[in-house]
């Protein structure tokens, strides 16, 4: 089963994706993850939060009056991963028969909220992004079913990753 976290990690690091999908969870040791949870829990206090659908997607909150699903993030540094995570939510809901807005159609839209930055990013599932989503899901399934994790990457954000010690200590 692919979740929003799998989609997010796919765009950040394939090794992190593989480790997570194969039962290695390090998020509980990360101050960065904890800070993100605090921002999520303390933002938009009156909204119904954490809407779990089939154990596969967890939407931070939905504004019924506007038809917008919201994802709250602390920083826009990994914005592409955030956008695709929300696109996955929209794609998943569309597969369940829920009307999702395209470029010229009405239905649910997505939005990424960055409360600390006081910014929002609109997310719409276009036919091109929908086709790309299918390719991403196939790629994720290939990565997570591999016998060995992908090679580590060397990016600036590695030092703040909750999986850092697994990749970089004693190398």
N, C-alpha and C. Protein backbone atom coordinates (compact mmCIF):
# COMPACT_ATOMS: atom_id res chain seq x y z
N UNK A 1 0.84 -1.18 0.00
CA UNK A 1 0.00 0.00 0.00
C UNK A 1 0.89 1.25 0.00
N UNK A 2 0.62 2.12 -0.91
CA UNK A 2 1.37 3.38 -1.00
C UNK A 2 0.59 4.46 -0.28
N UNK A 3 1.30 5.24 0.53
CA UNK A 3 0.69 6.33 1.30
C UNK A 3 1.28 7.66 0.84
N UNK A 4 0.74 8.73 1.40
CA UNK A 4 1.27 10.06 1.11
C UNK A 4 2.73 10.19 1.52
N UNK A 5 3.11 9.53 2.59
CA UNK A 5 4.51 9.57 3.03
C UNK A 5 5.43 8.93 2.00
N UNK A 6 5.00 7.83 1.40
CA UNK A 6 5.80 7.21 0.34
C UNK A 6 6.02 8.18 -0.81
N UNK A 7 4.96 8.86 -1.21
CA UNK A 7 5.07 9.82 -2.31
C UNK A 7 6.05 10.93 -1.93
N UNK A 8 5.90 11.46 -0.72
CA UNK A 8 6.77 12.53 -0.24
C UNK A 8 8.24 12.08 -0.26
N UNK A 9 8.51 10.92 0.31
CA UNK A 9 9.89 10.42 0.38
C UNK A 9 10.46 10.11 -1.00
N UNK A 10 9.61 9.71 -1.94
CA UNK A 10 10.06 9.44 -3.31
C UNK A 10 10.76 10.66 -3.90
N UNK A 11 10.22 11.84 -3.60
CA UNK A 11 10.79 13.07 -4.14
C UNK A 11 11.95 13.60 -3.32
N UNK A 12 12.11 13.11 -2.12
CA UNK A 12 13.21 13.57 -1.27
C UNK A 12 14.42 12.66 -1.40
N UNK A 13 14.20 11.34 -1.23
CA UNK A 13 15.33 10.41 -1.24
C UNK A 13 14.80 8.99 -1.39
N UNK A 14 15.25 8.30 -2.43
CA UNK A 14 14.78 6.94 -2.67
C UNK A 14 15.26 5.98 -1.58
N UNK A 15 16.41 6.24 -1.00
CA UNK A 15 16.90 5.39 0.09
C UNK A 15 16.00 5.53 1.32
N UNK A 16 15.64 6.76 1.65
CA UNK A 16 14.74 7.02 2.77
C UNK A 16 13.40 6.33 2.51
N UNK A 17 12.90 6.41 1.29
CA UNK A 17 11.67 5.74 0.90
C UNK A 17 11.79 4.24 1.14
N UNK A 18 12.87 3.63 0.67
CA UNK A 18 13.06 2.19 0.82
C UNK A 18 13.12 1.79 2.30
N UNK A 19 13.89 2.53 3.09
CA UNK A 19 14.01 2.23 4.52
C UNK A 19 12.64 2.32 5.20
N UNK A 20 11.93 3.40 4.95
CA UNK A 20 10.61 3.59 5.55
C UNK A 20 9.66 2.46 5.15
N UNK A 21 9.61 2.16 3.85
CA UNK A 21 8.69 1.14 3.34
C UNK A 21 9.04 -0.25 3.85
N UNK A 22 10.28 -0.45 4.21
CA UNK A 22 10.71 -1.76 4.71
C UNK A 22 10.80 -1.81 6.23
N UNK A 23 10.06 -0.93 6.88
CA UNK A 23 9.87 -1.02 8.33
C UNK A 23 10.89 -0.32 9.19
N UNK A 24 11.79 0.45 8.59
CA UNK A 24 12.77 1.19 9.38
C UNK A 24 12.24 2.60 9.59
N UNK A 25 11.80 2.89 10.81
CA UNK A 25 11.21 4.19 11.11
C UNK A 25 12.13 4.95 12.06
N UNK A 26 12.56 6.10 11.63
CA UNK A 26 13.46 6.92 12.45
C UNK A 26 12.84 8.26 12.81
N UNK A 27 11.64 8.53 12.34
CA UNK A 27 11.01 9.83 12.56
C UNK A 27 10.87 10.16 14.04
N UNK A 28 10.68 9.16 14.87
CA UNK A 28 10.49 9.39 16.31
C UNK A 28 11.74 9.96 16.97
N UNK A 29 12.90 9.91 16.30
CA UNK A 29 14.14 10.43 16.87
C UNK A 29 14.49 11.81 16.34
N UNK A 30 13.66 12.37 15.48
CA UNK A 30 14.01 13.61 14.78
C UNK A 30 13.37 14.85 15.39
N UNK A 31 14.20 15.81 15.76
CA UNK A 31 13.69 17.10 16.24
C UNK A 31 12.96 17.85 15.13
N UNK A 32 13.42 17.70 13.90
CA UNK A 32 12.79 18.37 12.76
C UNK A 32 11.37 17.85 12.56
N UNK A 33 11.20 16.53 12.63
CA UNK A 33 9.87 15.94 12.50
C UNK A 33 8.98 16.40 13.65
N UNK A 34 9.53 16.44 14.85
CA UNK A 34 8.76 16.89 16.02
C UNK A 34 8.29 18.32 15.84
N UNK A 35 9.18 19.21 15.37
CA UNK A 35 8.81 20.60 15.14
C UNK A 35 7.68 20.70 14.12
N UNK A 36 7.77 19.92 13.06
CA UNK A 36 6.71 19.90 12.05
C UNK A 36 5.37 19.49 12.64
N UNK A 37 5.39 18.50 13.53
CA UNK A 37 4.16 18.05 14.17
C UNK A 37 3.58 19.14 15.08
N UNK A 38 4.45 19.86 15.78
CA UNK A 38 3.98 20.94 16.65
C UNK A 38 3.32 22.03 15.82
N UNK A 39 3.94 22.40 14.71
CA UNK A 39 3.35 23.42 13.83
C UNK A 39 2.01 22.94 13.30
N UNK A 40 1.95 21.69 12.89
CA UNK A 40 0.71 21.13 12.37
C UNK A 40 -0.39 21.14 13.43
N UNK A 41 -0.04 20.74 14.64
CA UNK A 41 -1.04 20.64 15.72
C UNK A 41 -1.50 21.99 16.24
N UNK A 42 -0.66 23.02 16.13
CA UNK A 42 -1.02 24.32 16.70
C UNK A 42 -1.55 25.30 15.65
N UNK A 43 -1.55 24.91 14.40
CA UNK A 43 -2.07 25.77 13.33
C UNK A 43 -3.51 25.39 13.01
N UNK A 44 -4.30 26.37 12.67
CA UNK A 44 -5.68 26.14 12.24
C UNK A 44 -6.44 25.33 13.30
N UNK A 45 -6.40 25.81 14.53
CA UNK A 45 -6.93 25.11 15.69
C UNK A 45 -8.37 24.67 15.64
N UNK A 46 -9.22 25.39 14.94
CA UNK A 46 -10.65 25.04 14.95
C UNK A 46 -11.03 24.05 13.87
N UNK A 47 -10.10 23.62 13.07
CA UNK A 47 -10.40 22.72 11.96
C UNK A 47 -10.38 21.26 12.43
N UNK A 48 -11.26 20.44 11.83
CA UNK A 48 -11.18 19.00 12.07
C UNK A 48 -9.93 18.50 11.35
N UNK A 49 -9.06 17.87 12.11
CA UNK A 49 -7.77 17.51 11.54
C UNK A 49 -7.57 16.01 11.45
N UNK A 50 -6.60 15.67 10.63
CA UNK A 50 -6.14 14.30 10.46
C UNK A 50 -7.29 13.38 10.04
N UNK A 51 -7.75 13.59 8.83
CA UNK A 51 -8.83 12.79 8.28
C UNK A 51 -8.21 11.59 7.58
N UNK A 52 -8.33 10.42 8.20
CA UNK A 52 -7.74 9.19 7.69
C UNK A 52 -8.72 8.51 6.75
N UNK A 53 -8.26 8.25 5.53
CA UNK A 53 -9.11 7.59 4.54
C UNK A 53 -8.45 6.27 4.15
N UNK A 54 -9.07 5.20 4.56
CA UNK A 54 -8.64 3.84 4.24
C UNK A 54 -7.24 3.50 4.77
N UNK A 55 -6.73 4.25 5.71
CA UNK A 55 -5.38 4.00 6.20
C UNK A 55 -4.32 4.28 5.16
N UNK A 56 -4.71 4.92 4.07
CA UNK A 56 -3.78 5.16 2.97
C UNK A 56 -3.43 6.64 2.81
N UNK A 57 -4.38 7.50 3.07
CA UNK A 57 -4.07 8.93 3.06
C UNK A 57 -4.61 9.55 4.34
N UNK A 58 -3.89 10.55 4.83
CA UNK A 58 -4.32 11.29 6.01
C UNK A 58 -4.27 12.76 5.65
N UNK A 59 -5.44 13.32 5.44
CA UNK A 59 -5.55 14.73 5.05
C UNK A 59 -5.52 15.58 6.32
N UNK A 60 -4.69 16.61 6.32
CA UNK A 60 -4.58 17.45 7.51
C UNK A 60 -5.92 18.07 7.88
N UNK A 61 -6.60 18.68 6.90
CA UNK A 61 -7.95 19.18 7.13
C UNK A 61 -8.60 19.54 5.80
N UNK A 62 -9.93 19.57 5.83
CA UNK A 62 -10.71 19.90 4.63
C UNK A 62 -11.61 21.08 4.94
N UNK A 63 -11.61 22.06 4.04
CA UNK A 63 -12.53 23.19 4.14
C UNK A 63 -13.73 22.86 3.26
N UNK A 64 -14.81 22.43 3.89
CA UNK A 64 -16.01 22.03 3.14
C UNK A 64 -16.61 23.17 2.34
N UNK A 65 -16.47 24.39 2.82
CA UNK A 65 -17.09 25.52 2.14
C UNK A 65 -16.38 25.86 0.82
N UNK A 66 -15.10 25.57 0.72
CA UNK A 66 -14.35 25.88 -0.50
C UNK A 66 -13.97 24.64 -1.30
N UNK A 67 -14.12 23.46 -0.71
CA UNK A 67 -13.73 22.23 -1.41
C UNK A 67 -12.23 22.10 -1.54
N UNK A 68 -11.51 22.54 -0.51
CA UNK A 68 -10.05 22.48 -0.55
C UNK A 68 -9.54 21.56 0.55
N UNK A 69 -8.69 20.60 0.14
CA UNK A 69 -8.00 19.79 1.14
C UNK A 69 -6.67 20.47 1.44
N UNK A 70 -6.31 20.49 2.71
CA UNK A 70 -5.12 21.21 3.16
C UNK A 70 -4.06 20.28 3.70
N UNK A 71 -2.83 20.59 3.38
CA UNK A 71 -1.67 19.92 3.95
C UNK A 71 -0.82 21.01 4.58
N UNK A 72 -0.49 20.87 5.87
CA UNK A 72 0.27 21.87 6.60
C UNK A 72 1.73 21.42 6.68
N UNK A 73 2.63 22.30 6.30
CA UNK A 73 4.07 22.01 6.33
C UNK A 73 4.79 23.17 6.99
N UNK A 74 5.95 22.88 7.58
CA UNK A 74 6.68 23.93 8.30
C UNK A 74 7.54 24.78 7.38
N UNK A 75 7.99 24.22 6.26
CA UNK A 75 8.90 24.93 5.38
C UNK A 75 8.62 24.56 3.94
N UNK A 76 8.97 25.44 3.03
CA UNK A 76 8.77 25.15 1.61
C UNK A 76 10.03 24.60 0.95
N UNK A 77 11.01 24.19 1.74
CA UNK A 77 12.27 23.68 1.17
C UNK A 77 12.07 22.43 0.33
N UNK A 78 11.10 21.62 0.65
CA UNK A 78 10.82 20.39 -0.10
C UNK A 78 9.47 20.51 -0.81
N UNK A 79 9.21 21.67 -1.36
CA UNK A 79 7.89 21.97 -1.89
C UNK A 79 7.44 21.00 -2.98
N UNK A 80 8.33 20.56 -3.84
CA UNK A 80 7.95 19.62 -4.88
C UNK A 80 7.39 18.34 -4.27
N UNK A 81 8.04 17.84 -3.21
CA UNK A 81 7.55 16.64 -2.51
C UNK A 81 6.18 16.90 -1.90
N UNK A 82 5.99 18.09 -1.36
CA UNK A 82 4.70 18.44 -0.75
C UNK A 82 3.60 18.49 -1.81
N UNK A 83 3.91 19.10 -2.93
CA UNK A 83 2.93 19.21 -4.02
C UNK A 83 2.50 17.82 -4.48
N UNK A 84 3.46 16.93 -4.70
CA UNK A 84 3.12 15.59 -5.17
C UNK A 84 2.38 14.78 -4.12
N UNK A 85 2.64 15.04 -2.85
CA UNK A 85 1.89 14.37 -1.79
C UNK A 85 0.41 14.77 -1.87
N UNK A 86 0.15 16.05 -2.04
CA UNK A 86 -1.23 16.53 -2.16
C UNK A 86 -1.86 16.04 -3.47
N UNK A 87 -1.08 16.01 -4.54
CA UNK A 87 -1.58 15.46 -5.80
C UNK A 87 -1.97 14.00 -5.63
N UNK A 88 -1.20 13.25 -4.83
CA UNK A 88 -1.55 11.85 -4.56
C UNK A 88 -2.89 11.77 -3.83
N UNK A 89 -3.10 12.64 -2.85
CA UNK A 89 -4.39 12.66 -2.14
C UNK A 89 -5.53 12.90 -3.11
N UNK A 90 -5.37 13.88 -3.99
CA UNK A 90 -6.41 14.18 -4.98
C UNK A 90 -6.61 13.01 -5.92
N UNK A 91 -5.52 12.42 -6.40
CA UNK A 91 -5.58 11.28 -7.30
C UNK A 91 -6.30 10.11 -6.62
N UNK A 92 -5.95 9.85 -5.38
CA UNK A 92 -6.55 8.75 -4.62
C UNK A 92 -8.07 8.96 -4.47
N UNK A 93 -8.45 10.17 -4.11
CA UNK A 93 -9.87 10.49 -3.95
C UNK A 93 -10.61 10.35 -5.27
N UNK A 94 -9.96 10.74 -6.35
CA UNK A 94 -10.58 10.60 -7.68
C UNK A 94 -10.80 9.13 -8.00
N UNK A 95 -9.84 8.27 -7.63
CA UNK A 95 -9.99 6.83 -7.86
C UNK A 95 -11.18 6.27 -7.09
N UNK A 96 -11.55 6.91 -6.00
CA UNK A 96 -12.68 6.48 -5.18
C UNK A 96 -14.00 7.10 -5.66
N UNK A 97 -13.96 7.85 -6.76
CA UNK A 97 -15.18 8.41 -7.34
C UNK A 97 -15.53 9.80 -6.85
N UNK A 98 -14.63 10.45 -6.15
CA UNK A 98 -14.90 11.80 -5.66
C UNK A 98 -14.48 12.81 -6.73
N UNK A 99 -15.32 13.80 -6.96
CA UNK A 99 -15.02 14.81 -7.98
C UNK A 99 -13.82 15.65 -7.55
N UNK A 100 -12.82 15.68 -8.42
CA UNK A 100 -11.60 16.44 -8.17
C UNK A 100 -11.46 17.47 -9.27
N UNK A 101 -11.13 18.69 -8.89
CA UNK A 101 -11.00 19.77 -9.86
C UNK A 101 -9.80 19.54 -10.77
N UNK A 102 -10.03 19.73 -12.05
CA UNK A 102 -8.95 19.78 -13.02
C UNK A 102 -8.78 21.24 -13.40
N UNK A 103 -8.11 21.48 -14.51
CA UNK A 103 -7.90 22.87 -14.93
C UNK A 103 -9.21 23.56 -15.27
N UNK A 104 -10.17 22.81 -15.81
CA UNK A 104 -11.44 23.41 -16.23
C UNK A 104 -12.66 22.78 -15.57
N UNK A 105 -12.48 22.01 -14.51
CA UNK A 105 -13.61 21.32 -13.88
C UNK A 105 -13.72 21.69 -12.41
N UNK A 106 -14.91 21.45 -11.87
CA UNK A 106 -15.13 21.74 -10.46
C UNK A 106 -14.92 20.47 -9.65
N UNK A 107 -14.61 20.66 -8.39
CA UNK A 107 -14.40 19.56 -7.47
C UNK A 107 -13.34 19.94 -6.46
N UNK A 108 -12.85 18.94 -5.75
CA UNK A 108 -11.82 19.20 -4.73
C UNK A 108 -10.53 19.72 -5.34
N UNK A 109 -9.93 20.65 -4.64
CA UNK A 109 -8.60 21.15 -4.96
C UNK A 109 -7.73 20.92 -3.74
N UNK A 110 -6.45 21.12 -3.91
CA UNK A 110 -5.52 20.99 -2.78
C UNK A 110 -4.84 22.30 -2.49
N UNK A 111 -4.33 22.39 -1.28
CA UNK A 111 -3.58 23.58 -0.89
C UNK A 111 -2.54 23.17 0.15
N UNK A 112 -1.34 23.67 -0.02
CA UNK A 112 -0.29 23.48 0.98
C UNK A 112 -0.19 24.76 1.77
N UNK A 113 -0.29 24.63 3.08
CA UNK A 113 -0.22 25.78 3.96
C UNK A 113 1.12 25.77 4.69
N UNK A 114 1.81 26.90 4.63
CA UNK A 114 3.05 27.11 5.36
C UNK A 114 2.80 28.20 6.39
N UNK A 115 2.23 27.86 7.56
CA UNK A 115 1.85 28.89 8.53
C UNK A 115 3.01 29.76 8.99
N UNK A 116 4.18 29.17 9.18
CA UNK A 116 5.34 29.95 9.65
C UNK A 116 5.77 30.97 8.60
N UNK A 117 5.54 30.66 7.32
CA UNK A 117 5.91 31.56 6.23
C UNK A 117 4.75 32.44 5.78
N UNK A 118 3.55 32.13 6.31
CA UNK A 118 2.33 32.83 5.90
C UNK A 118 2.13 32.75 4.38
N UNK A 119 2.33 31.53 3.85
CA UNK A 119 2.18 31.29 2.42
C UNK A 119 1.27 30.09 2.18
N UNK A 120 0.67 30.08 0.99
CA UNK A 120 -0.15 28.96 0.54
C UNK A 120 0.16 28.68 -0.92
N UNK A 121 0.07 27.41 -1.28
CA UNK A 121 0.29 26.99 -2.67
C UNK A 121 -0.90 26.15 -3.10
N UNK A 122 -1.55 26.57 -4.18
CA UNK A 122 -2.68 25.82 -4.72
C UNK A 122 -2.18 24.62 -5.50
N UNK A 123 -2.90 23.50 -5.38
CA UNK A 123 -2.53 22.26 -6.07
C UNK A 123 -3.76 21.74 -6.81
N UNK A 124 -3.60 21.53 -8.12
CA UNK A 124 -4.68 21.02 -8.96
C UNK A 124 -4.17 19.80 -9.73
N UNK A 125 -4.98 18.76 -9.75
CA UNK A 125 -4.64 17.53 -10.46
C UNK A 125 -5.01 17.66 -11.93
N UNK A 126 -4.01 17.90 -12.77
CA UNK A 126 -4.23 18.00 -14.21
C UNK A 126 -4.11 16.59 -14.82
N UNK A 127 -4.59 16.41 -16.04
CA UNK A 127 -4.44 15.10 -16.69
C UNK A 127 -2.96 14.68 -16.82
N UNK A 128 -2.09 15.64 -17.06
CA UNK A 128 -0.65 15.33 -17.17
C UNK A 128 -0.09 14.85 -15.83
N UNK A 129 -0.48 15.51 -14.77
CA UNK A 129 0.00 15.12 -13.44
C UNK A 129 -0.60 13.78 -13.03
N UNK A 130 -1.82 13.53 -13.45
CA UNK A 130 -2.46 12.25 -13.17
C UNK A 130 -1.70 11.11 -13.86
N UNK A 131 -1.32 11.32 -15.11
CA UNK A 131 -0.54 10.31 -15.83
C UNK A 131 0.83 10.12 -15.18
N UNK A 132 1.44 11.21 -14.77
CA UNK A 132 2.75 11.13 -14.08
C UNK A 132 2.61 10.39 -12.75
N UNK A 133 1.48 10.56 -12.06
CA UNK A 133 1.26 9.89 -10.78
C UNK A 133 1.33 8.38 -10.96
N UNK A 134 0.75 7.88 -12.02
CA UNK A 134 0.78 6.44 -12.27
C UNK A 134 2.22 5.96 -12.45
N UNK A 135 3.05 6.74 -13.14
CA UNK A 135 4.46 6.40 -13.32
C UNK A 135 5.20 6.42 -11.97
N UNK A 136 4.89 7.41 -11.15
CA UNK A 136 5.52 7.55 -9.83
C UNK A 136 5.17 6.34 -8.96
N UNK A 137 3.92 5.94 -8.96
CA UNK A 137 3.49 4.80 -8.16
C UNK A 137 4.20 3.53 -8.62
N UNK A 138 4.32 3.33 -9.92
CA UNK A 138 5.05 2.17 -10.44
C UNK A 138 6.51 2.20 -9.99
N UNK A 139 7.11 3.37 -10.06
CA UNK A 139 8.51 3.52 -9.65
C UNK A 139 8.69 3.25 -8.16
N UNK A 140 7.76 3.74 -7.35
CA UNK A 140 7.82 3.50 -5.90
C UNK A 140 7.72 2.00 -5.63
N UNK A 141 6.80 1.33 -6.29
CA UNK A 141 6.65 -0.11 -6.08
C UNK A 141 7.93 -0.86 -6.44
N UNK A 142 8.59 -0.42 -7.47
CA UNK A 142 9.86 -1.04 -7.87
C UNK A 142 10.95 -0.79 -6.82
N UNK A 143 11.04 0.43 -6.33
CA UNK A 143 12.05 0.78 -5.33
C UNK A 143 11.84 0.00 -4.04
N UNK A 144 10.62 -0.01 -3.51
CA UNK A 144 10.38 -0.62 -2.20
C UNK A 144 10.43 -2.14 -2.24
N UNK A 145 10.24 -2.73 -3.41
CA UNK A 145 10.30 -4.19 -3.51
C UNK A 145 11.71 -4.70 -3.80
N UNK A 146 12.64 -3.80 -4.01
CA UNK A 146 14.03 -4.19 -4.25
C UNK A 146 14.61 -4.87 -3.01
N UNK A 147 15.51 -5.79 -3.22
CA UNK A 147 16.13 -6.52 -2.11
C UNK A 147 17.03 -5.61 -1.27
N UNK A 148 17.66 -4.65 -1.91
CA UNK A 148 18.60 -3.75 -1.23
C UNK A 148 18.17 -2.29 -1.38
N UNK A 149 18.55 -1.46 -0.41
CA UNK A 149 18.20 -0.04 -0.53
C UNK A 149 19.00 0.64 -1.64
N UNK A 150 18.43 1.69 -2.22
CA UNK A 150 19.19 2.47 -3.22
C UNK A 150 20.42 3.11 -2.57
N UNK A 151 21.34 3.52 -3.41
CA UNK A 151 22.55 4.19 -2.91
C UNK A 151 22.16 5.48 -2.21
N UNK A 152 22.95 5.85 -1.26
CA UNK A 152 22.68 7.10 -0.56
C UNK A 152 23.00 8.27 -1.48
N UNK A 153 22.37 9.39 -1.18
CA UNK A 153 22.64 10.61 -1.92
C UNK A 153 23.45 11.53 -1.01
N UNK A 154 24.01 12.55 -1.55
CA UNK A 154 24.78 13.50 -0.75
C UNK A 154 24.23 14.90 -1.00
N UNK A 155 23.21 15.25 -0.22
CA UNK A 155 22.56 16.54 -0.35
C UNK A 155 22.70 17.32 0.96
N UNK A 156 22.53 18.62 0.88
CA UNK A 156 22.65 19.45 2.08
C UNK A 156 21.68 19.04 3.17
N UNK A 157 20.49 18.61 2.78
CA UNK A 157 19.47 18.27 3.78
C UNK A 157 19.72 16.94 4.47
N UNK A 158 20.69 16.16 4.01
CA UNK A 158 20.97 14.85 4.63
C UNK A 158 21.27 14.99 6.13
N UNK A 159 21.99 16.04 6.50
CA UNK A 159 22.39 16.20 7.91
C UNK A 159 21.21 16.40 8.85
N UNK A 160 20.08 16.85 8.33
CA UNK A 160 18.90 17.04 9.19
C UNK A 160 17.88 15.91 9.03
N UNK A 161 18.21 14.92 8.23
CA UNK A 161 17.30 13.80 7.99
C UNK A 161 17.29 12.85 9.18
N UNK A 162 16.13 12.32 9.50
CA UNK A 162 16.02 11.38 10.62
C UNK A 162 16.76 10.07 10.33
N UNK A 163 17.07 9.80 9.08
CA UNK A 163 17.79 8.57 8.69
C UNK A 163 19.30 8.81 8.53
N UNK A 164 19.77 9.97 8.87
CA UNK A 164 21.18 10.35 8.66
C UNK A 164 22.16 9.30 9.19
N UNK A 165 21.96 8.85 10.41
CA UNK A 165 22.91 7.90 11.01
C UNK A 165 22.97 6.59 10.23
N UNK A 166 21.86 6.17 9.68
CA UNK A 166 21.86 4.92 8.91
C UNK A 166 22.66 5.05 7.61
N UNK A 167 22.69 6.25 7.08
CA UNK A 167 23.37 6.45 5.80
C UNK A 167 24.83 6.90 5.95
N UNK A 168 25.14 7.71 6.96
CA UNK A 168 26.41 8.40 6.95
C UNK A 168 27.36 8.09 8.11
N UNK A 169 26.89 7.53 9.20
CA UNK A 169 27.79 7.25 10.32
C UNK A 169 28.59 6.00 9.99
N UNK A 170 29.87 6.02 10.33
CA UNK A 170 30.80 4.92 10.10
C UNK A 170 30.98 4.59 8.62
N UNK A 171 31.06 5.62 7.78
CA UNK A 171 31.29 5.36 6.36
C UNK A 171 32.64 5.86 5.95
